mmCIF file of all heavy atoms, coordinates in Angstrom:
data_MODEL
# 
_entry.id   MODEL 
# 
loop_
_atom_site.group_PDB 
_atom_site.id 
_atom_site.type_symbol 
_atom_site.label_atom_id 
_atom_site.label_alt_id 
_atom_site.label_comp_id 
_atom_site.label_asym_id 
_atom_site.label_entity_id 
_atom_site.label_seq_id 
_atom_site.pdbx_PDB_ins_code 
_atom_site.Cartn_x 
_atom_site.Cartn_y 
_atom_site.Cartn_z 
_atom_site.occupancy 
_atom_site.B_iso_or_equiv 
_atom_site.pdbx_formal_charge 
_atom_site.auth_seq_id 
_atom_site.auth_comp_id 
_atom_site.auth_asym_id 
_atom_site.auth_atom_id 
_atom_site.pdbx_PDB_model_num 
ATOM 1   N N   . LEU A 1 1  ? -154.994 -3.788 116.267 1.00 0.00 ? 1  LEU A N   1 
ATOM 2   C CA  . LEU A 1 1  ? -155.990 -4.352 115.323 1.00 0.00 ? 1  LEU A CA  1 
ATOM 3   C C   . LEU A 1 1  ? -156.751 -3.242 114.588 1.00 0.00 ? 1  LEU A C   1 
ATOM 4   O O   . LEU A 1 1  ? -157.037 -3.373 113.392 1.00 0.00 ? 1  LEU A O   1 
ATOM 5   C CB  . LEU A 1 1  ? -156.958 -5.248 116.092 1.00 0.00 ? 1  LEU A CB  1 
ATOM 6   C CG  . LEU A 1 1  ? -156.334 -6.522 116.632 1.00 0.00 ? 1  LEU A CG  1 
ATOM 7   C CD1 . LEU A 1 1  ? -157.308 -7.220 117.586 1.00 0.00 ? 1  LEU A CD1 1 
ATOM 8   C CD2 . LEU A 1 1  ? -155.953 -7.472 115.521 1.00 0.00 ? 1  LEU A CD2 1 
ATOM 9   N N   . ILE A 1 2  ? -157.024 -2.167 115.277 1.00 0.00 ? 2  ILE A N   1 
ATOM 10  C CA  . ILE A 1 2  ? -157.687 -1.012 114.627 1.00 0.00 ? 2  ILE A CA  1 
ATOM 11  C C   . ILE A 1 2  ? -156.769 -0.410 113.575 1.00 0.00 ? 2  ILE A C   1 
ATOM 12  O O   . ILE A 1 2  ? -157.197 -0.089 112.442 1.00 0.00 ? 2  ILE A O   1 
ATOM 13  C CB  . ILE A 1 2  ? -158.076 0.054  115.667 1.00 0.00 ? 2  ILE A CB  1 
ATOM 14  C CG1 . ILE A 1 2  ? -159.146 -0.495 116.593 1.00 0.00 ? 2  ILE A CG1 1 
ATOM 15  C CG2 . ILE A 1 2  ? -158.546 1.337  114.970 1.00 0.00 ? 2  ILE A CG2 1 
ATOM 16  C CD1 . ILE A 1 2  ? -159.462 0.412  117.784 1.00 0.00 ? 2  ILE A CD1 1 
ATOM 17  N N   . ALA A 1 3  ? -155.476 -0.284 113.907 1.00 0.00 ? 3  ALA A N   1 
ATOM 18  C CA  . ALA A 1 3  ? -154.515 0.284  112.945 1.00 0.00 ? 3  ALA A CA  1 
ATOM 19  C C   . ALA A 1 3  ? -154.375 -0.602 111.726 1.00 0.00 ? 3  ALA A C   1 
ATOM 20  O O   . ALA A 1 3  ? -154.370 -0.102 110.592 1.00 0.00 ? 3  ALA A O   1 
ATOM 21  C CB  . ALA A 1 3  ? -153.152 0.430  113.652 1.00 0.00 ? 3  ALA A CB  1 
ATOM 22  N N   . LEU A 1 4  ? -154.372 -1.913 111.893 1.00 0.00 ? 4  LEU A N   1 
ATOM 23  C CA  . LEU A 1 4  ? -154.222 -2.826 110.764 1.00 0.00 ? 4  LEU A CA  1 
ATOM 24  C C   . LEU A 1 4  ? -155.497 -2.857 109.910 1.00 0.00 ? 4  LEU A C   1 
ATOM 25  O O   . LEU A 1 4  ? -155.390 -2.958 108.663 1.00 0.00 ? 4  LEU A O   1 
ATOM 26  C CB  . LEU A 1 4  ? -153.860 -4.239 111.253 1.00 0.00 ? 4  LEU A CB  1 
ATOM 27  C CG  . LEU A 1 4  ? -152.472 -4.386 111.860 1.00 0.00 ? 4  LEU A CG  1 
ATOM 28  C CD1 . LEU A 1 4  ? -152.280 -5.747 112.494 1.00 0.00 ? 4  LEU A CD1 1 
ATOM 29  C CD2 . LEU A 1 4  ? -151.401 -4.089 110.805 1.00 0.00 ? 4  LEU A CD2 1 
ATOM 30  N N   . ALA A 1 5  ? -156.652 -2.747 110.523 1.00 0.00 ? 5  ALA A N   1 
ATOM 31  C CA  . ALA A 1 5  ? -157.888 -2.632 109.723 1.00 0.00 ? 5  ALA A CA  1 
ATOM 32  C C   . ALA A 1 5  ? -157.878 -1.363 108.905 1.00 0.00 ? 5  ALA A C   1 
ATOM 33  O O   . ALA A 1 5  ? -158.293 -1.350 107.757 1.00 0.00 ? 5  ALA A O   1 
ATOM 34  C CB  . ALA A 1 5  ? -159.081 -2.672 110.665 1.00 0.00 ? 5  ALA A CB  1 
ATOM 35  N N   . SER A 1 6  ? -157.354 -0.319 109.498 1.00 0.00 ? 6  SER A N   1 
ATOM 36  C CA  . SER A 1 6  ? -157.286 0.973  108.778 1.00 0.00 ? 6  SER A CA  1 
ATOM 37  C C   . SER A 1 6  ? -156.304 0.903  107.599 1.00 0.00 ? 6  SER A C   1 
ATOM 38  O O   . SER A 1 6  ? -156.572 1.417  106.497 1.00 0.00 ? 6  SER A O   1 
ATOM 39  C CB  . SER A 1 6  ? -156.866 2.129  109.735 1.00 0.00 ? 6  SER A CB  1 
ATOM 40  O OG  . SER A 1 6  ? -157.746 2.243  110.779 1.00 0.00 ? 6  SER A OG  1 
ATOM 41  N N   . VAL A 1 7  ? -155.168 0.226  107.819 1.00 0.00 ? 7  VAL A N   1 
ATOM 42  C CA  . VAL A 1 7  ? -154.195 0.021  106.731 1.00 0.00 ? 7  VAL A CA  1 
ATOM 43  C C   . VAL A 1 7  ? -154.808 -0.796 105.587 1.00 0.00 ? 7  VAL A C   1 
ATOM 44  O O   . VAL A 1 7  ? -154.618 -0.475 104.410 1.00 0.00 ? 7  VAL A O   1 
ATOM 45  C CB  . VAL A 1 7  ? -152.939 -0.666 107.296 1.00 0.00 ? 7  VAL A CB  1 
ATOM 46  C CG1 . VAL A 1 7  ? -152.027 -1.108 106.134 1.00 0.00 ? 7  VAL A CG1 1 
ATOM 47  C CG2 . VAL A 1 7  ? -152.160 0.274  108.209 1.00 0.00 ? 7  VAL A CG2 1 
ATOM 48  N N   . ALA A 1 8  ? -155.560 -1.825 105.907 1.00 0.00 ? 8  ALA A N   1 
ATOM 49  C CA  . ALA A 1 8  ? -156.219 -2.639 104.903 1.00 0.00 ? 8  ALA A CA  1 
ATOM 50  C C   . ALA A 1 8  ? -157.170 -1.771 104.055 1.00 0.00 ? 8  ALA A C   1 
ATOM 51  O O   . ALA A 1 8  ? -157.219 -1.860 102.827 1.00 0.00 ? 8  ALA A O   1 
ATOM 52  C CB  . ALA A 1 8  ? -156.969 -3.827 105.535 1.00 0.00 ? 8  ALA A CB  1 
ATOM 53  N N   . LEU A 1 9  ? -157.923 -0.921 104.758 1.00 0.00 ? 9  LEU A N   1 
ATOM 54  C CA  . LEU A 1 9  ? -158.894 -0.019 104.033 1.00 0.00 ? 9  LEU A CA  1 
ATOM 55  C C   . LEU A 1 9  ? -158.144 1.045  103.227 1.00 0.00 ? 9  LEU A C   1 
ATOM 56  O O   . LEU A 1 9  ? -158.683 1.552  102.224 1.00 0.00 ? 9  LEU A O   1 
ATOM 57  C CB  . LEU A 1 9  ? -159.846 0.607  105.007 1.00 0.00 ? 9  LEU A CB  1 
ATOM 58  C CG  . LEU A 1 9  ? -160.827 -0.353 105.654 1.00 0.00 ? 9  LEU A CG  1 
ATOM 59  C CD1 . LEU A 1 9  ? -161.634 0.344  106.737 1.00 0.00 ? 9  LEU A CD1 1 
ATOM 60  C CD2 . LEU A 1 9  ? -161.760 -0.969 104.637 1.00 0.00 ? 9  LEU A CD2 1 
ATOM 61  N N   . LEU A 1 10 ? -156.930 1.386  103.660 1.00 0.00 ? 10 LEU A N   1 
ATOM 62  C CA  . LEU A 1 10 ? -156.151 2.366  102.937 1.00 0.00 ? 10 LEU A CA  1 
ATOM 63  C C   . LEU A 1 10 ? -155.909 1.957  101.486 1.00 0.00 ? 10 LEU A C   1 
ATOM 64  O O   . LEU A 1 10 ? -155.778 2.839  100.587 1.00 0.00 ? 10 LEU A O   1 
ATOM 65  C CB  . LEU A 1 10 ? -154.799 2.584  103.642 1.00 0.00 ? 10 LEU A CB  1 
ATOM 66  C CG  . LEU A 1 10 ? -153.786 3.544  102.999 1.00 0.00 ? 10 LEU A CG  1 
ATOM 67  C CD1 . LEU A 1 10 ? -154.324 4.975  103.082 1.00 0.00 ? 10 LEU A CD1 1 
ATOM 68  C CD2 . LEU A 1 10 ? -152.442 3.441  103.710 1.00 0.00 ? 10 LEU A CD2 1 
ATOM 69  N N   . SER A 1 11 ? -155.843 0.655  101.240 1.00 0.00 ? 11 SER A N   1 
ATOM 70  C CA  . SER A 1 11 ? -155.605 0.183  99.863  1.00 0.00 ? 11 SER A CA  1 
ATOM 71  C C   . SER A 1 11 ? -156.703 0.679  98.902  1.00 0.00 ? 11 SER A C   1 
ATOM 72  O O   . SER A 1 11 ? -156.441 0.766  97.682  1.00 0.00 ? 11 SER A O   1 
ATOM 73  C CB  . SER A 1 11 ? -155.478 -1.328 99.827  1.00 0.00 ? 11 SER A CB  1 
ATOM 74  O OG  . SER A 1 11 ? -156.709 -1.941 100.248 1.00 0.00 ? 11 SER A OG  1 
ATOM 75  N N   . LEU A 1 12 ? -157.853 0.978  99.381  1.00 0.00 ? 12 LEU A N   1 
ATOM 76  C CA  . LEU A 1 12 ? -158.946 1.455  98.500  1.00 0.00 ? 12 LEU A CA  1 
ATOM 77  C C   . LEU A 1 12 ? -158.575 2.791  97.836  1.00 0.00 ? 12 LEU A C   1 
ATOM 78  O O   . LEU A 1 12 ? -159.098 3.103  96.772  1.00 0.00 ? 12 LEU A O   1 
ATOM 79  C CB  . LEU A 1 12 ? -160.238 1.626  99.302  1.00 0.00 ? 12 LEU A CB  1 
ATOM 80  C CG  . LEU A 1 12 ? -160.866 0.345  99.862  1.00 0.00 ? 12 LEU A CG  1 
ATOM 81  C CD1 . LEU A 1 12 ? -162.060 0.688  100.774 1.00 0.00 ? 12 LEU A CD1 1 
ATOM 82  C CD2 . LEU A 1 12 ? -161.312 -0.585 98.749  1.00 0.00 ? 12 LEU A CD2 1 
ATOM 83  N N   . THR A 1 13 ? -157.685 3.547  98.477  1.00 0.00 ? 13 THR A N   1 
ATOM 84  C CA  . THR A 1 13 ? -157.343 4.826  97.903  1.00 0.00 ? 13 THR A CA  1 
ATOM 85  C C   . THR A 1 13 ? -156.492 4.653  96.627  1.00 0.00 ? 13 THR A C   1 
ATOM 86  O O   . THR A 1 13 ? -156.259 5.607  95.917  1.00 0.00 ? 13 THR A O   1 
ATOM 87  C CB  . THR A 1 13 ? -156.541 5.690  98.902  1.00 0.00 ? 13 THR A CB  1 
ATOM 88  O OG1 . THR A 1 13 ? -155.351 5.036  99.266  1.00 0.00 ? 13 THR A OG1 1 
ATOM 89  C CG2 . THR A 1 13 ? -157.366 5.932  100.156 1.00 0.00 ? 13 THR A CG2 1 
ATOM 90  N N   . SER A 1 14 ? -156.022 3.436  96.342  1.00 0.00 ? 14 SER A N   1 
ATOM 91  C CA  . SER A 1 14 ? -155.270 3.201  95.111  1.00 0.00 ? 14 SER A CA  1 
ATOM 92  C C   . SER A 1 14 ? -156.186 3.133  93.898  1.00 0.00 ? 14 SER A C   1 
ATOM 93  O O   . SER A 1 14 ? -155.707 3.270  92.762  1.00 0.00 ? 14 SER A O   1 
ATOM 94  C CB  . SER A 1 14 ? -154.450 1.905  95.254  1.00 0.00 ? 14 SER A CB  1 
ATOM 95  O OG  . SER A 1 14 ? -155.337 0.771  95.300  1.00 0.00 ? 14 SER A OG  1 
ATOM 96  N N   . ILE A 1 15 ? -157.472 2.880  94.104  1.00 0.00 ? 15 ILE A N   1 
ATOM 97  C CA  . ILE A 1 15 ? -158.373 2.656  92.958  1.00 0.00 ? 15 ILE A CA  1 
ATOM 98  C C   . ILE A 1 15 ? -158.401 3.842  91.983  1.00 0.00 ? 15 ILE A C   1 
ATOM 99  O O   . ILE A 1 15 ? -158.273 3.656  90.751  1.00 0.00 ? 15 ILE A O   1 
ATOM 100 C CB  . ILE A 1 15 ? -159.770 2.301  93.467  1.00 0.00 ? 15 ILE A CB  1 
ATOM 101 C CG1 . ILE A 1 15 ? -159.719 0.928  94.189  1.00 0.00 ? 15 ILE A CG1 1 
ATOM 102 C CG2 . ILE A 1 15 ? -160.806 2.292  92.343  1.00 0.00 ? 15 ILE A CG2 1 
ATOM 103 C CD1 . ILE A 1 15 ? -161.037 0.567  94.868  1.00 0.00 ? 15 ILE A CD1 1 
ATOM 104 N N   . PRO A 1 16 ? -158.583 5.113  92.450  1.00 0.00 ? 16 PRO A N   1 
ATOM 105 C CA  . PRO A 1 16 ? -158.602 6.177  91.478  1.00 0.00 ? 16 PRO A CA  1 
ATOM 106 C C   . PRO A 1 16 ? -157.312 6.323  90.671  1.00 0.00 ? 16 PRO A C   1 
ATOM 107 O O   . PRO A 1 16 ? -157.347 6.748  89.508  1.00 0.00 ? 16 PRO A O   1 
ATOM 108 C CB  . PRO A 1 16 ? -158.812 7.433  92.355  1.00 0.00 ? 16 PRO A CB  1 
ATOM 109 C CG  . PRO A 1 16 ? -159.400 6.904  93.637  1.00 0.00 ? 16 PRO A CG  1 
ATOM 110 C CD  . PRO A 1 16 ? -158.801 5.546  93.835  1.00 0.00 ? 16 PRO A CD  1 
ATOM 111 N N   . PHE A 1 17 ? -156.188 5.952  91.270  1.00 0.00 ? 17 PHE A N   1 
ATOM 112 C CA  . PHE A 1 17 ? -154.901 6.082  90.588  1.00 0.00 ? 17 PHE A CA  1 
ATOM 113 C C   . PHE A 1 17 ? -154.753 5.056  89.463  1.00 0.00 ? 17 PHE A C   1 
ATOM 114 O O   . PHE A 1 17 ? -153.952 5.305  88.492  1.00 0.00 ? 17 PHE A O   1 
ATOM 115 C CB  . PHE A 1 17 ? -153.771 5.914  91.588  1.00 0.00 ? 17 PHE A CB  1 
ATOM 116 C CG  . PHE A 1 17 ? -153.647 6.990  92.610  1.00 0.00 ? 17 PHE A CG  1 
ATOM 117 C CD1 . PHE A 1 17 ? -154.362 6.906  93.768  1.00 0.00 ? 17 PHE A CD1 1 
ATOM 118 C CD2 . PHE A 1 17 ? -152.896 8.121  92.368  1.00 0.00 ? 17 PHE A CD2 1 
ATOM 119 C CE1 . PHE A 1 17 ? -154.276 7.900  94.781  1.00 0.00 ? 17 PHE A CE1 1 
ATOM 120 C CE2 . PHE A 1 17 ? -152.796 9.152  93.316  1.00 0.00 ? 17 PHE A CE2 1 
ATOM 121 C CZ  . PHE A 1 17 ? -153.508 9.015  94.520  1.00 0.00 ? 17 PHE A CZ  1 
ATOM 122 N N   . LEU A 1 18 ? -155.490 3.942  89.548  1.00 0.00 ? 18 LEU A N   1 
ATOM 123 C CA  . LEU A 1 18 ? -155.356 2.873  88.560  1.00 0.00 ? 18 LEU A CA  1 
ATOM 124 C C   . LEU A 1 18 ? -156.506 2.809  87.592  1.00 0.00 ? 18 LEU A C   1 
ATOM 125 O O   . LEU A 1 18 ? -156.625 1.906  86.824  1.00 0.00 ? 18 LEU A O   1 
ATOM 126 C CB  . LEU A 1 18 ? -155.196 1.539  89.282  1.00 0.00 ? 18 LEU A CB  1 
ATOM 127 C CG  . LEU A 1 18 ? -153.974 1.396  90.189  1.00 0.00 ? 18 LEU A CG  1 
ATOM 128 C CD1 . LEU A 1 18 ? -154.057 0.165  91.065  1.00 0.00 ? 18 LEU A CD1 1 
ATOM 129 C CD2 . LEU A 1 18 ? -152.701 1.347  89.378  1.00 0.00 ? 18 LEU A CD2 1 
ATOM 130 N N   . ARG A 1 19 ? -157.381 3.806  87.665  1.00 0.00 ? 19 ARG A N   1 
ATOM 131 C CA  . ARG A 1 19 ? -158.604 3.780  86.869  1.00 0.00 ? 19 ARG A CA  1 
ATOM 132 C C   . ARG A 1 19 ? -158.393 3.887  85.395  1.00 0.00 ? 19 ARG A C   1 
ATOM 133 O O   . ARG A 1 19 ? -159.142 3.396  84.570  1.00 0.00 ? 19 ARG A O   1 
ATOM 134 C CB  . ARG A 1 19 ? -159.552 4.901  87.357  1.00 0.00 ? 19 ARG A CB  1 
ATOM 135 C CG  . ARG A 1 19 ? -160.908 4.888  86.728  1.00 0.00 ? 19 ARG A CG  1 
ATOM 136 C CD  . ARG A 1 19 ? -161.777 5.927  87.391  1.00 0.00 ? 19 ARG A CD  1 
ATOM 137 N NE  . ARG A 1 19 ? -162.055 5.573  88.773  1.00 0.00 ? 19 ARG A NE  1 
ATOM 138 C CZ  . ARG A 1 19 ? -162.425 6.432  89.733  1.00 0.00 ? 19 ARG A CZ  1 
ATOM 139 N NH1 . ARG A 1 19 ? -162.557 7.726  89.436  1.00 0.00 ? 19 ARG A NH1 1 
ATOM 140 N NH2 . ARG A 1 19 ? -162.712 6.022  90.961  1.00 0.00 ? 19 ARG A NH2 1 
ATOM 141 N N   . SER A 1 20 ? -157.350 4.618  84.983  1.00 0.00 ? 20 SER A N   1 
ATOM 142 C CA  . SER A 1 20 ? -157.135 4.901  83.545  1.00 0.00 ? 20 SER A CA  1 
ATOM 143 C C   . SER A 1 20 ? -156.773 3.670  82.713  1.00 0.00 ? 20 SER A C   1 
ATOM 144 O O   . SER A 1 20 ? -157.051 3.617  81.545  1.00 0.00 ? 20 SER A O   1 
ATOM 145 C CB  . SER A 1 20 ? -156.029 5.943  83.379  1.00 0.00 ? 20 SER A CB  1 
ATOM 146 O OG  . SER A 1 20 ? -154.809 5.410  83.784  1.00 0.00 ? 20 SER A OG  1 
ATOM 147 N N   . GLY A 1 21 ? -156.118 2.690  83.360  1.00 0.00 ? 21 GLY A N   1 
ATOM 148 C CA  . GLY A 1 21 ? -155.707 1.497  82.633  1.00 0.00 ? 21 GLY A CA  1 
ATOM 149 C C   . GLY A 1 21 ? -154.475 1.674  81.772  1.00 0.00 ? 21 GLY A C   1 
ATOM 150 O O   . GLY A 1 21 ? -153.989 0.733  81.133  1.00 0.00 ? 21 GLY A O   1 
ATOM 151 N N   . GLU A 1 22 ? -153.832 2.891  81.815  1.00 0.00 ? 22 GLU A N   1 
ATOM 152 C CA  . GLU A 1 22 ? -152.669 3.129  80.986  1.00 0.00 ? 22 GLU A CA  1 
ATOM 153 C C   . GLU A 1 22 ? -151.407 2.664  81.691  1.00 0.00 ? 22 GLU A C   1 
ATOM 154 O O   . GLU A 1 22 ? -151.375 2.399  82.907  1.00 0.00 ? 22 GLU A O   1 
ATOM 155 C CB  . GLU A 1 22 ? -152.583 4.599  80.617  1.00 0.00 ? 22 GLU A CB  1 
ATOM 156 C CG  . GLU A 1 22 ? -152.345 5.507  81.796  1.00 0.00 ? 22 GLU A CG  1 
ATOM 157 C CD  . GLU A 1 22 ? -152.341 6.973  81.366  1.00 0.00 ? 22 GLU A CD  1 
ATOM 158 O OE1 . GLU A 1 22 ? -152.234 7.287  80.193  1.00 0.00 ? 22 GLU A OE1 1 
ATOM 159 O OE2 . GLU A 1 22 ? -152.526 7.847  82.270  1.00 0.00 ? 22 GLU A OE2 1 
ATOM 160 N N   . THR A 1 23 ? -150.343 2.527  80.916  1.00 0.00 ? 23 THR A N   1 
ATOM 161 C CA  . THR A 1 23 ? -149.009 2.157  81.499  1.00 0.00 ? 23 THR A CA  1 
ATOM 162 C C   . THR A 1 23 ? -148.339 3.393  82.065  1.00 0.00 ? 23 THR A C   1 
ATOM 163 O O   . THR A 1 23 ? -148.672 4.536  81.780  1.00 0.00 ? 23 THR A O   1 
ATOM 164 C CB  . THR A 1 23 ? -148.108 1.567  80.419  1.00 0.00 ? 23 THR A CB  1 
ATOM 165 O OG1 . THR A 1 23 ? -147.810 2.544  79.417  1.00 0.00 ? 23 THR A OG1 1 
ATOM 166 C CG2 . THR A 1 23 ? -148.788 0.357  79.735  1.00 0.00 ? 23 THR A CG2 1 
ATOM 167 N N   . VAL A 1 24 ? -147.320 3.141  82.878  1.00 0.00 ? 24 VAL A N   1 
ATOM 168 C CA  . VAL A 1 24 ? -146.540 4.217  83.428  1.00 0.00 ? 24 VAL A CA  1 
ATOM 169 C C   . VAL A 1 24 ? -145.880 5.020  82.307  1.00 0.00 ? 24 VAL A C   1 
ATOM 170 O O   . VAL A 1 24 ? -145.854 6.234  82.346  1.00 0.00 ? 24 VAL A O   1 
ATOM 171 C CB  . VAL A 1 24 ? -145.449 3.637  84.402  1.00 0.00 ? 24 VAL A CB  1 
ATOM 172 C CG1 . VAL A 1 24 ? -144.459 4.733  84.825  1.00 0.00 ? 24 VAL A CG1 1 
ATOM 173 C CG2 . VAL A 1 24 ? -146.107 3.028  85.609  1.00 0.00 ? 24 VAL A CG2 1 
ATOM 174 N N   . ASP A 1 25 ? -145.372 4.303  81.308  1.00 0.00 ? 25 ASP A N   1 
ATOM 175 C CA  . ASP A 1 25 ? -144.658 4.974  80.186  1.00 0.00 ? 25 ASP A CA  1 
ATOM 176 C C   . ASP A 1 25 ? -145.665 5.882  79.452  1.00 0.00 ? 25 ASP A C   1 
ATOM 177 O O   . ASP A 1 25 ? -145.296 7.043  79.174  1.00 0.00 ? 25 ASP A O   1 
ATOM 178 C CB  . ASP A 1 25 ? -144.158 3.921  79.181  1.00 0.00 ? 25 ASP A CB  1 
ATOM 179 C CG  . ASP A 1 25 ? -143.329 2.871  79.859  1.00 0.00 ? 25 ASP A CG  1 
ATOM 180 O OD1 . ASP A 1 25 ? -143.892 1.993  80.572  1.00 0.00 ? 25 ASP A OD1 1 
ATOM 181 O OD2 . ASP A 1 25 ? -142.094 2.880  79.705  1.00 0.00 ? 25 ASP A OD2 1 
ATOM 182 N N   . ALA A 1 26 ? -146.847 5.403  79.164  1.00 0.00 ? 26 ALA A N   1 
ATOM 183 C CA  . ALA A 1 26 ? -147.800 6.225  78.462  1.00 0.00 ? 26 ALA A CA  1 
ATOM 184 C C   . ALA A 1 26 ? -148.250 7.439  79.297  1.00 0.00 ? 26 ALA A C   1 
ATOM 185 O O   . ALA A 1 26 ? -148.380 8.557  78.746  1.00 0.00 ? 26 ALA A O   1 
ATOM 186 C CB  . ALA A 1 26 ? -149.064 5.414  78.114  1.00 0.00 ? 26 ALA A CB  1 
ATOM 187 N N   . GLU A 1 27 ? -148.375 7.226  80.593  1.00 0.00 ? 27 GLU A N   1 
ATOM 188 C CA  . GLU A 1 27 ? -148.783 8.344  81.441  1.00 0.00 ? 27 GLU A CA  1 
ATOM 189 C C   . GLU A 1 27 ? -147.700 9.415  81.519  1.00 0.00 ? 27 GLU A C   1 
ATOM 190 O O   . GLU A 1 27 ? -147.980 10.630 81.396  1.00 0.00 ? 27 GLU A O   1 
ATOM 191 C CB  . GLU A 1 27 ? -149.035 7.839  82.882  1.00 0.00 ? 27 GLU A CB  1 
ATOM 192 C CG  . GLU A 1 27 ? -149.466 8.933  83.836  1.00 0.00 ? 27 GLU A CG  1 
ATOM 193 C CD  . GLU A 1 27 ? -149.362 8.519  85.300  1.00 0.00 ? 27 GLU A CD  1 
ATOM 194 O OE1 . GLU A 1 27 ? -148.819 7.446  85.564  1.00 0.00 ? 27 GLU A OE1 1 
ATOM 195 O OE2 . GLU A 1 27 ? -149.823 9.277  86.150  1.00 0.00 ? 27 GLU A OE2 1 
# 
């Protein structure tokens, strides 16, 4: 349960990667 809670919180690290709003092609 601790590991799964940690995995759920891991998704927050995706936020900086998606901040620009651009497409993969444009990037």
